[in-house]
Amino acid sequence: MNKVHINASKSYDILIEKGLLPHCGSYIKTICKAQSICLVTDDTVDALYADTVIHSLQIEGFHTVKFVFAHGEESKNSATYLNLIDYLAQNHITRTDAIVALGGGVVGDLAGFAAATFLRGISFIQIPTTLLACVDSSVGGKTAIDIQAGKNLLGAFYQPSLVLCDPLTLRTLTDEIYRDGCAEIIKYAMITDAHFFEQLKQQPVKEWEEEVIKRCVEIKRDVVMQDEFDRGLRALLNFGHTIGHAIEACSQFQISHGHAVAIGMHIITKAAENFGIAEKGCTEALEKILTAYHFPLAVTYSDEALFKAALQDKKREGDSITLIIPTQIGTCRMQPLPTENLLDWIKQGR
């Protein structure tokens, strides 16, 4: 088994092993004193894995209830959140009980935010079932829901008590959802690890999933432990996300997060190279790996539409926004710039 330990405001482990899911209850029992657990999942994952998790929890003596909502980003909203809060109250979940989030990033974000706010905070455990959630969103303590003005604008920093990754759950993903995770993996290589980038070029993620998940989680751990509350260094993890979130918004979330981030990384890298900041050849190297993972890099929205949507980025501070800019493969830097200059970056990257 691969294990990564995070020592943040709460210390916890990320456990990574094929076949872990049917034994999840025993791992949860070692860190959780709850009598009752609310399993939170979406309707897709519910049909695949909820019975396995509930059976394992019940074997360990946990009274278990289940909250299921419709899959998709459009469900990560205030109505679903309040329905979950009401469900927790109606089922007498107490401050010493826990939530288990079973699913992808939407499930983890929603369940985590509920855990952070119900009774001023109860424990929660992440069981990610998508590649993106395994390598990124289940780790680090960011929880949130979307509001009409933008994505993830209502949230809290709230660390899980345990993260359990079973790569066998990835076998049921569509190719498109699997690629969403690959975009985040490429992001991790671009921001910190040129050797990892070369490895990803030479060996498909599916051939060494456990090692890839572990490496990404280690990179995120190192960043989060230095800047848990996103006041500086942690911004590096948002490479490609400012433009990516704008693309998601323009598409009304018809373009998935990972695919949007892939395009966002490409736009920023091309602009950085055109501005003379990134080494010559960075864009070509990124294009090759993104194309190898079958990401379309064209986007039909106008520069002005992307600019307007990007102004809703939660990282914006007044009239300034911080872009994460590659200087070479494996190295990025943070660059604050006036928001009005962002349009020039978008134009240079198209």
Protein backbone atom coordinates (compact mmCIF):
# COMPACT_ATOMS: atom_id res chain seq x y z
CA MET A 1 0.00 0.00 0.00
CA ASN A 2 1.14 3.53 -0.78
CA LYS A 3 0.65 6.04 2.03
CA VAL A 4 1.15 9.80 2.05
CA HIS A 5 0.89 11.71 5.34
CA ILE A 6 -0.25 15.31 5.50
CA ASN A 7 0.52 17.41 8.53
CA ALA A 8 -1.67 20.51 8.20
CA SER A 9 -4.18 22.02 10.67
CA LYS A 10 -5.33 18.39 10.88
CA SER A 11 -2.95 15.49 10.29
CA TYR A 12 -4.22 12.66 8.13
CA ASP A 13 -3.19 9.94 5.70
CA ILE A 14 -3.94 9.28 2.06
CA LEU A 15 -3.99 5.51 1.47
CA ILE A 16 -3.67 4.24 -2.11
CA GLU A 17 -4.20 0.58 -2.97
CA LYS A 18 -6.14 -1.50 -5.46
CA GLY A 19 -8.91 -3.46 -3.73
CA LEU A 20 -9.09 -1.12 -0.74
CA LEU A 21 -12.79 -0.19 -1.13
CA PRO A 22 -14.39 -3.35 0.36
CA HIS A 23 -12.25 -2.85 3.48
CA CYS A 24 -12.84 0.89 3.85
CA GLY A 25 -14.83 0.46 7.07
CA SER A 26 -11.87 -1.03 8.93
CA TYR A 27 -9.62 1.88 7.94
CA ILE A 28 -12.26 4.40 8.92
CA LYS A 29 -12.77 2.64 12.26
CA THR A 30 -9.13 3.25 13.18
CA ILE A 31 -9.48 7.04 12.95
CA CYS A 32 -13.18 7.63 13.61
CA LYS A 33 -15.13 7.29 16.87
CA ALA A 34 -18.49 8.02 15.25
CA GLN A 35 -21.58 5.95 15.95
CA SER A 36 -23.37 7.13 12.81
CA ILE A 37 -22.03 7.92 9.35
CA CYS A 38 -23.77 9.68 6.50
CA LEU A 39 -22.57 8.43 3.13
CA VAL A 40 -22.81 11.20 0.53
CA THR A 41 -22.67 10.24 -3.13
CA ASP A 42 -24.21 10.94 -6.53
CA ASP A 43 -26.64 8.75 -8.44
CA THR A 44 -23.95 7.37 -10.78
CA VAL A 45 -21.55 6.29 -8.04
CA ASP A 46 -24.41 5.12 -5.84
CA ALA A 47 -25.26 2.38 -8.33
CA LEU A 48 -21.64 1.27 -8.59
CA TYR A 49 -20.06 1.38 -5.15
CA ALA A 50 -22.42 2.55 -2.38
CA ASP A 51 -23.50 -0.96 -1.36
CA THR A 52 -19.87 -2.07 -1.00
CA VAL A 53 -19.03 0.90 1.22
CA ILE A 54 -22.19 0.63 3.33
CA HIS A 55 -21.60 -3.10 3.89
CA SER A 56 -18.03 -2.44 5.03
CA LEU A 57 -19.16 0.34 7.37
CA GLN A 58 -21.93 -1.76 8.88
CA ILE A 59 -19.56 -4.68 9.51
CA GLU A 60 -17.52 -2.28 11.66
CA GLY A 61 -20.62 -1.28 13.64
CA PHE A 62 -21.39 2.10 12.10
CA HIS A 63 -25.05 3.06 11.78
CA THR A 64 -25.11 4.28 8.17
CA VAL A 65 -27.51 6.51 6.24
CA LYS A 66 -27.14 7.62 2.64
CA PHE A 67 -27.71 10.92 0.84
CA VAL A 68 -27.78 10.70 -2.97
CA PHE A 69 -28.02 13.61 -5.42
CA ALA A 70 -28.00 13.96 -9.20
CA HIS A 71 -24.50 13.74 -10.69
CA GLY A 72 -22.86 16.73 -12.34
CA GLU A 73 -21.49 20.18 -11.56
CA GLU A 74 -24.97 21.69 -11.80
CA SER A 75 -25.88 19.88 -8.55
CA LYS A 76 -23.07 21.52 -6.60
CA ASN A 77 -25.32 24.35 -5.53
CA SER A 78 -26.99 25.89 -2.50
CA ALA A 79 -30.20 23.87 -2.93
CA THR A 80 -28.39 20.51 -2.82
CA TYR A 81 -26.22 21.74 0.05
CA LEU A 82 -29.23 22.78 2.14
CA ASN A 83 -31.00 19.51 1.35
CA LEU A 84 -27.94 17.67 2.66
CA ILE A 85 -27.82 19.81 5.81
CA ASP A 86 -31.51 19.09 6.44
CA TYR A 87 -30.90 15.37 5.86
CA LEU A 88 -28.08 15.34 8.41
CA ALA A 89 -30.30 17.04 10.99
CA GLN A 90 -33.30 14.81 10.30
CA ASN A 91 -31.13 11.71 10.72
CA HIS A 92 -29.75 12.96 14.04
CA ILE A 93 -26.12 13.18 12.92
CA THR A 94 -24.23 14.59 15.91
CA ARG A 95 -21.01 16.50 16.34
CA THR A 96 -19.11 13.27 17.03
CA ASP A 97 -20.45 11.53 13.90
CA ALA A 98 -19.01 11.75 10.39
CA ILE A 99 -19.64 12.16 6.68
CA VAL A 100 -18.08 9.88 4.07
CA ALA A 101 -17.79 11.43 0.60
CA LEU A 102 -17.90 8.72 -2.07
CA GLY A 103 -17.40 10.02 -5.59
CA GLY A 104 -15.60 12.61 -7.66
CA GLY A 105 -14.79 16.25 -7.06
CA VAL A 106 -18.39 17.46 -6.97
CA VAL A 107 -19.26 14.96 -4.24
CA GLY A 108 -16.12 15.75 -2.25
CA ASP A 109 -16.59 19.52 -2.49
CA LEU A 110 -20.24 19.40 -1.48
CA ALA A 111 -19.87 16.84 1.30
CA GLY A 112 -16.77 18.56 2.64
CA PHE A 113 -18.50 21.94 2.79
CA ALA A 114 -21.44 20.37 4.59
CA ALA A 115 -19.03 18.74 7.07
CA ALA A 116 -17.28 22.07 7.62
CA THR A 117 -20.51 23.92 8.43
CA PHE A 118 -22.95 21.43 9.99
CA LEU A 119 -22.86 21.83 13.78
CA ARG A 120 -19.82 24.09 13.16
CA GLY A 121 -17.82 21.14 11.85
CA ILE A 122 -17.94 17.34 11.91
CA SER A 123 -15.42 14.80 10.65
CA PHE A 124 -15.41 13.64 7.06
CA ILE A 125 -13.59 11.03 5.04
CA GLN A 126 -12.91 11.21 1.33
CA ILE A 127 -13.24 8.13 -0.89
CA PRO A 128 -12.51 9.49 -4.37
CA THR A 129 -13.70 7.46 -7.34
CA THR A 130 -12.41 9.60 -10.22
CA LEU A 131 -8.80 10.13 -11.23
CA LEU A 132 -9.14 13.89 -10.82
CA ALA A 133 -10.42 13.50 -7.27
CA CYS A 134 -7.68 10.98 -6.41
CA VAL A 135 -4.82 13.19 -7.57
CA ASP A 136 -6.22 16.58 -6.64
CA SER A 137 -9.58 17.55 -5.20
CA SER A 138 -9.83 14.99 -2.37
CA VAL A 139 -6.58 16.24 -0.83
CA GLY A 140 -5.80 19.61 0.72
CA GLY A 141 -9.01 20.68 2.42
CA LYS A 142 -10.69 22.94 -0.12
CA THR A 143 -14.47 22.55 0.03
CA ALA A 144 -17.05 24.62 -1.82
CA ILE A 145 -20.29 24.95 -3.73
CA ASP A 146 -21.08 27.07 -6.77
CA ILE A 147 -23.37 30.11 -6.79
CA GLN A 148 -24.90 31.96 -9.70
CA ALA A 149 -21.99 34.43 -9.87
CA GLY A 150 -19.33 31.75 -10.26
CA LYS A 151 -17.76 28.43 -9.38
CA ASN A 152 -16.58 27.59 -5.84
CA LEU A 153 -17.38 31.06 -4.49
CA LEU A 154 -18.92 29.73 -1.26
CA GLY A 155 -16.61 27.42 0.63
CA ALA A 156 -14.25 26.70 3.49
CA PHE A 157 -10.83 25.24 4.15
CA TYR A 158 -11.58 22.02 6.00
CA GLN A 159 -9.25 19.04 6.02
CA PRO A 160 -10.58 15.47 5.85
CA SER A 161 -9.69 12.92 8.51
CA LEU A 162 -8.68 10.27 5.97
CA VAL A 163 -8.51 9.79 2.20
CA LEU A 164 -8.94 6.29 0.74
CA CYS A 165 -8.03 5.79 -2.94
CA ASP A 166 -8.85 2.52 -4.67
CA PRO A 167 -7.64 2.72 -8.30
CA LEU A 168 -9.96 -0.14 -9.23
CA THR A 169 -12.83 2.36 -9.09
CA LEU A 170 -11.25 4.15 -12.05
CA ARG A 171 -12.09 1.23 -14.32
CA THR A 172 -15.70 2.36 -14.54
CA LEU A 173 -14.85 5.89 -15.75
CA THR A 174 -15.53 7.03 -19.28
CA ASP A 175 -12.48 8.03 -21.29
CA GLU A 176 -13.50 11.68 -21.06
CA ILE A 177 -13.79 11.68 -17.26
CA TYR A 178 -10.52 9.77 -16.96
CA ARG A 179 -8.79 12.41 -19.10
CA ASP A 180 -10.02 15.11 -16.72
CA GLY A 181 -7.68 13.62 -14.15
CA CYS A 182 -4.85 13.40 -16.67
CA ALA A 183 -5.06 17.17 -17.16
CA GLU A 184 -4.46 17.75 -13.44
CA ILE A 185 -1.60 15.22 -13.49
CA ILE A 186 0.06 17.11 -16.35
CA LYS A 187 -0.48 20.30 -14.35
CA TYR A 188 1.47 18.88 -11.41
CA ALA A 189 4.35 17.94 -13.69
CA MET A 190 4.36 21.36 -15.34
CA ILE A 191 4.51 23.31 -12.09
CA THR A 192 7.16 21.34 -10.17
CA ASP A 193 8.64 18.26 -11.79
CA ALA A 194 10.25 18.09 -15.24
CA HIS A 195 11.28 14.46 -14.68
CA PHE A 196 7.67 13.51 -13.93
CA PHE A 197 6.67 15.33 -17.14
CA GLU A 198 9.09 13.20 -19.16
CA GLN A 199 7.79 10.03 -17.51
CA LEU A 200 4.21 10.95 -18.45
CA LYS A 201 5.32 11.38 -22.06
CA GLN A 202 6.87 7.93 -22.10
CA GLN A 203 4.33 5.88 -20.14
CA PRO A 204 0.53 6.30 -20.13
CA VAL A 205 -1.01 7.04 -16.75
CA LYS A 206 -3.10 3.84 -16.84
CA GLU A 207 0.06 1.73 -16.77
CA TRP A 208 1.26 3.12 -13.40
CA GLU A 209 -1.77 4.68 -11.72
CA GLU A 210 -0.86 4.08 -8.10
CA GLU A 211 2.59 5.65 -8.52
CA VAL A 212 1.11 8.61 -10.43
CA ILE A 213 -1.52 9.25 -7.77
CA LYS A 214 1.12 9.05 -5.04
CA ARG A 215 3.43 11.50 -6.85
CA CYS A 216 0.67 14.04 -7.41
CA VAL A 217 -0.49 13.78 -3.80
CA GLU A 218 3.11 14.24 -2.60
CA ILE A 219 3.43 17.42 -4.67
CA LYS A 220 0.15 18.76 -3.33
CA ARG A 221 1.12 17.79 0.24
CA ASP A 222 4.37 19.73 -0.02
CA VAL A 223 2.54 22.83 -1.21
CA VAL A 224 -0.38 22.59 1.23
CA MET A 225 1.89 22.10 4.24
CA GLN A 226 3.63 25.38 3.37
CA ASP A 227 0.47 27.34 2.53
CA GLU A 228 -2.66 25.59 3.75
CA PHE A 229 -4.94 28.60 3.46
CA ASP A 230 -3.92 29.71 -0.02
CA ARG A 231 -2.19 32.98 0.82
CA GLY A 232 0.82 32.47 -1.45
CA LEU A 233 2.58 29.35 -2.71
CA ARG A 234 -0.60 27.27 -3.00
CA ALA A 235 -1.65 29.46 -5.92
CA LEU A 236 0.79 27.45 -8.04
CA LEU A 237 -1.78 24.64 -8.02
CA ASN A 238 -4.07 26.89 -10.05
CA PHE A 239 -1.94 26.75 -13.19
CA GLY A 240 -4.41 26.83 -16.10
CA HIS A 241 -7.40 27.30 -13.81
CA THR A 242 -8.14 31.03 -14.25
CA ILE A 243 -8.74 30.58 -17.97
CA GLY A 244 -10.03 27.04 -17.43
CA HIS A 245 -12.79 28.20 -15.10
CA ALA A 246 -13.67 30.93 -17.61
CA ILE A 247 -14.03 28.29 -20.34
CA GLU A 248 -16.24 26.18 -18.07
CA ALA A 249 -18.45 29.18 -17.35
CA CYS A 250 -18.72 30.19 -21.01
CA SER A 251 -19.74 26.63 -21.89
CA GLN A 252 -22.28 26.58 -19.05
CA PHE A 253 -20.22 23.64 -17.74
CA GLN A 254 -20.69 21.58 -20.88
CA ILE A 255 -16.87 21.54 -21.15
CA SER A 256 -15.54 19.52 -18.23
CA HIS A 257 -13.11 20.88 -15.66
CA GLY A 258 -10.10 18.86 -16.77
CA HIS A 259 -10.58 19.62 -20.46
CA ALA A 260 -11.00 23.32 -19.66
CA VAL A 261 -7.85 23.33 -17.53
CA ALA A 262 -5.91 21.66 -20.36
CA ILE A 263 -6.93 24.50 -22.69
CA GLY A 264 -6.18 27.07 -19.97
CA MET A 265 -2.67 25.68 -19.45
CA HIS A 266 -2.04 25.83 -23.20
CA ILE A 267 -3.25 29.43 -23.53
CA ILE A 268 -1.13 30.68 -20.63
CA THR A 269 1.97 28.76 -21.75
CA LYS A 270 1.70 30.04 -25.32
CA ALA A 271 1.22 33.60 -24.06
CA ALA A 272 4.18 33.26 -21.70
CA GLU A 273 6.37 32.08 -24.56
CA ASN A 274 5.13 34.88 -26.83
CA PHE A 275 5.91 37.41 -24.09
CA GLY A 276 9.42 35.97 -23.74
CA ILE A 277 8.86 34.64 -20.22
CA ALA A 278 8.72 30.91 -20.93
CA GLU A 279 11.59 29.06 -22.56
CA LYS A 280 11.27 28.55 -26.28
CA GLY A 281 9.73 25.15 -26.91
CA CYS A 282 7.55 25.02 -23.77
CA THR A 283 4.34 25.40 -25.75
CA GLU A 284 5.32 22.71 -28.23
CA ALA A 285 6.22 20.26 -25.44
CA LEU A 286 2.92 20.92 -23.64
CA GLU A 287 0.96 20.66 -26.89
CA LYS A 288 2.50 17.27 -27.65
CA ILE A 289 1.60 15.73 -24.31
CA LEU A 290 -1.90 17.23 -24.26
CA THR A 291 -2.51 15.97 -27.78
CA ALA A 292 -1.17 12.54 -26.80
CA TYR A 293 -3.82 12.45 -24.08
CA HIS A 294 -6.44 13.48 -26.67
CA PHE A 295 -7.25 16.96 -25.40
CA PRO A 296 -8.77 19.33 -27.97
CA LEU A 297 -7.03 22.69 -27.60
CA ALA A 298 -9.28 24.90 -29.71
CA VAL A 299 -11.99 26.98 -28.06
CA THR A 300 -14.71 28.91 -29.87
CA TYR A 301 -15.40 31.62 -27.28
CA SER A 302 -14.15 35.12 -28.01
CA ASP A 303 -11.22 36.67 -26.16
CA GLU A 304 -13.61 39.19 -24.64
CA ALA A 305 -16.01 36.49 -23.42
CA LEU A 306 -13.19 34.58 -21.73
CA PHE A 307 -11.86 37.80 -20.20
CA LYS A 308 -15.26 38.73 -18.77
CA ALA A 309 -15.76 35.25 -17.31
CA ALA A 310 -12.22 35.17 -15.86
CA LEU A 311 -12.92 38.33 -13.87
CA GLN A 312 -15.13 36.19 -11.62
CA ASP A 313 -12.05 34.20 -10.52
CA LYS A 314 -12.01 33.92 -6.73
CA LYS A 315 -8.26 34.64 -6.77
CA ARG A 316 -8.90 38.16 -8.00
CA GLU A 317 -7.96 40.85 -5.49
CA GLY A 318 -9.49 44.20 -6.34
CA ASP A 319 -8.04 45.29 -9.70
CA SER A 320 -5.31 42.64 -9.62
CA ILE A 321 -5.25 38.98 -10.57
CA THR A 322 -2.41 36.47 -10.15
CA LEU A 323 -1.53 34.23 -13.08
CA ILE A 324 0.56 31.10 -12.76
CA ILE A 325 3.10 31.31 -15.55
CA PRO A 326 5.53 28.60 -16.68
CA THR A 327 9.11 29.65 -17.21
CA GLN A 328 10.19 26.17 -18.29
CA ILE A 329 8.81 22.64 -18.04
CA GLY A 330 8.64 21.83 -14.32
CA THR A 331 8.90 25.43 -13.11
CA CYS A 332 6.16 28.04 -12.73
CA ARG A 333 5.99 31.40 -11.03
CA MET A 334 3.21 33.58 -9.68
CA GLN A 335 2.73 36.89 -11.48
CA PRO A 336 0.24 39.48 -10.26
CA LEU A 337 -1.00 41.77 -13.00
CA PRO A 338 -3.73 44.39 -13.42
CA THR A 339 -6.96 42.70 -14.43
CA GLU A 340 -7.13 44.84 -17.57
CA ASN A 341 -3.91 43.16 -18.79
CA LEU A 342 -5.47 39.71 -18.65
CA LEU A 343 -7.15 40.31 -22.00
CA ASP A 344 -3.71 40.74 -23.62
CA TRP A 345 -2.60 37.41 -22.13
CA ILE A 346 -5.65 35.68 -23.53
CA LYS A 347 -5.05 37.18 -26.98
CA GLN A 348 -1.37 36.19 -26.94
CA GLY A 349 -2.30 32.62 -26.01
CA ARG A 350 -4.88 31.99 -28.74
